[in-house]
Amino acid sequence: MKSVIVDTSSILFGLSKGFDTFQRLKEEFPACRICIPSGVIRELRKFAKGKKKESKYANVALALLKKHNIVIVRGNEYVDTWIVKHAAKYAIVCTNDLALKRRLKSRNLMAVSILMNGSFR
C-alpha cells in the first residue's frame, strides 16, 4: 500500500488555516495510508507545552492523530533526516518546510505542501 509521510510543518500550517491536514490528505489521496515519524509526535508534544499560538494547534494535532488512526513509524533521528532517508519507501511526503521539500525534489521524490485554501501543490 502506498503511504503519505506527514511532517509537522504541514500539520500545523493546515490547522492554522482551519484545515485538518489528515482529512484533506485522505480526500486527496484515498488509496494511501497516512504515516508520521515518531519524531513528529515529539515535536508536537514540545510545541503543545509552549505558550504560543502553535501550542493550541499542536494540541489539536495530537488529538487528531487518534481520531484518524494515523500510523506512527518509529525513528530516533532528527525528523527531516529521517524523512529524507526513508521517503523513497513511501509514495508521497507532505511538508510545508521549503528546505525539506527542495531536498526531496532534488532526489526526485514526490513532495506536496498544503496551501492556504486546503489544496495541495
Protein backbone atom coordinates (compact mmCIF):
# COMPACT_ATOMS: atom_id res chain seq x y z
CA MET A 1 0.00 0.00 0.00
CA LYS A 2 1.26 3.47 -0.83
CA SER A 3 1.72 5.90 2.01
CA VAL A 4 1.97 9.62 2.70
CA ILE A 5 4.52 10.76 5.27
CA VAL A 6 3.33 13.92 7.02
CA ASP A 7 5.71 16.48 8.51
CA THR A 8 4.99 18.73 11.49
CA SER A 9 5.03 21.86 9.35
CA SER A 10 2.11 20.78 7.16
CA ILE A 11 0.04 19.65 10.14
CA LEU A 12 0.43 22.96 11.98
CA PHE A 13 0.06 25.08 8.84
CA GLY A 14 -3.18 23.33 7.87
CA LEU A 15 -4.64 23.82 11.34
CA SER A 16 -3.60 27.47 11.38
CA LYS A 17 -5.64 27.95 8.18
CA GLY A 18 -8.63 26.00 9.50
CA PHE A 19 -7.92 22.67 7.77
CA ASP A 20 -7.40 19.19 9.14
CA THR A 21 -4.37 18.18 7.07
CA PHE A 22 -5.00 14.49 7.74
CA GLN A 23 -8.59 14.69 6.48
CA ARG A 24 -7.53 16.65 3.41
CA LEU A 25 -4.84 14.03 2.65
CA LYS A 26 -7.41 11.23 2.96
CA GLU A 27 -9.62 13.05 0.47
CA GLU A 28 -6.79 13.88 -1.95
CA PHE A 29 -5.00 10.51 -1.76
CA PRO A 30 -7.70 7.97 -0.77
CA ALA A 31 -5.61 4.93 -1.72
CA CYS A 32 -2.76 5.93 0.61
CA ARG A 33 -2.33 5.34 4.31
CA ILE A 34 -1.12 8.31 6.34
CA CYS A 35 2.07 7.94 8.38
CA ILE A 36 4.11 10.18 10.60
CA PRO A 37 7.58 9.62 12.01
CA SER A 38 7.69 9.33 15.81
CA GLY A 39 9.84 12.48 15.76
CA VAL A 40 6.78 14.45 14.62
CA ILE A 41 5.00 13.41 17.79
CA ARG A 42 7.99 14.57 19.83
CA GLU A 43 7.88 17.93 18.04
CA LEU A 44 4.11 18.28 18.53
CA ARG A 45 4.41 17.48 22.24
CA LYS A 46 7.18 20.07 22.58
CA PHE A 47 5.07 22.72 20.82
CA ALA A 48 2.00 21.75 22.88
CA LYS A 49 3.78 22.72 26.10
CA GLY A 50 4.51 26.25 24.87
CA LYS A 51 2.57 29.46 25.27
CA LYS A 52 2.50 30.48 21.60
CA LYS A 53 -0.42 30.11 19.20
CA GLU A 54 1.18 26.98 17.73
CA SER A 55 0.66 25.33 21.14
CA LYS A 56 -3.09 25.25 20.53
CA TYR A 57 -2.61 23.76 17.08
CA ALA A 58 -0.17 21.16 18.38
CA ASN A 59 -2.68 20.00 20.99
CA VAL A 60 -5.39 19.73 18.33
CA ALA A 61 -2.98 17.80 16.09
CA LEU A 62 -2.22 15.29 18.84
CA ALA A 63 -5.95 14.68 19.30
CA LEU A 64 -6.41 14.28 15.52
CA LEU A 65 -3.75 11.56 15.41
CA LYS A 66 -6.05 9.34 17.45
CA LYS A 67 -9.18 10.33 15.54
CA HIS A 68 -7.66 9.45 12.17
CA ASN A 69 -5.75 6.34 13.31
CA ILE A 70 -2.51 7.67 11.87
CA VAL A 71 0.33 5.12 11.52
CA ILE A 72 3.34 6.11 13.60
CA VAL A 73 6.69 4.99 12.19
CA ARG A 74 9.48 4.67 14.75
CA GLY A 75 12.75 6.51 14.34
CA ASN A 76 15.26 8.23 16.58
CA GLU A 77 16.80 10.55 14.03
CA TYR A 78 16.08 14.23 13.53
CA VAL A 79 12.71 14.34 11.71
CA ASP A 80 13.89 15.88 8.44
CA THR A 81 16.84 13.48 8.27
CA TRP A 82 14.51 10.52 8.84
CA ILE A 83 12.09 11.74 6.17
CA VAL A 84 14.80 12.20 3.53
CA LYS A 85 16.36 8.83 4.40
CA HIS A 86 13.08 6.89 4.23
CA ALA A 87 10.97 8.87 1.74
CA ALA A 88 11.73 6.52 -1.16
CA LYS A 89 9.88 3.72 0.69
CA TYR A 90 6.72 5.83 0.70
CA ALA A 91 4.78 7.37 -2.19
CA ILE A 92 4.49 10.99 -1.02
CA VAL A 93 5.82 13.38 1.60
CA CYS A 94 3.57 16.22 2.77
CA THR A 95 5.62 19.11 4.15
CA ASN A 96 5.39 22.88 4.25
CA ASP A 97 9.09 23.11 5.09
CA LEU A 98 10.52 24.59 1.88
CA ALA A 99 14.09 23.46 2.57
CA LEU A 100 12.94 19.88 3.17
CA LYS A 101 10.75 19.97 0.07
CA ARG A 102 13.74 21.13 -2.03
CA ARG A 103 15.89 18.30 -0.61
CA LEU A 104 13.23 15.76 -1.52
CA LYS A 105 12.64 17.15 -5.01
CA SER A 106 16.41 17.15 -5.68
CA ARG A 107 16.26 13.38 -5.10
CA ASN A 108 13.26 13.06 -7.45
CA LEU A 109 10.92 12.22 -4.56
CA MET A 110 7.29 13.35 -4.56
CA ALA A 111 6.63 16.13 -2.07
CA VAL A 112 3.48 18.20 -1.67
CA SER A 113 2.50 21.12 0.55
CA ILE A 114 -0.91 22.08 1.88
CA LEU A 115 -1.96 25.52 0.63
CA MET A 116 -4.00 28.27 2.29
CA ASN A 117 -7.17 27.02 0.56
CA GLY A 118 -6.67 23.42 1.71
CA SER A 119 -5.49 22.09 -1.64
CA PHE A 120 -2.07 20.58 -2.33
CA ARG A 121 0.79 21.60 -4.54
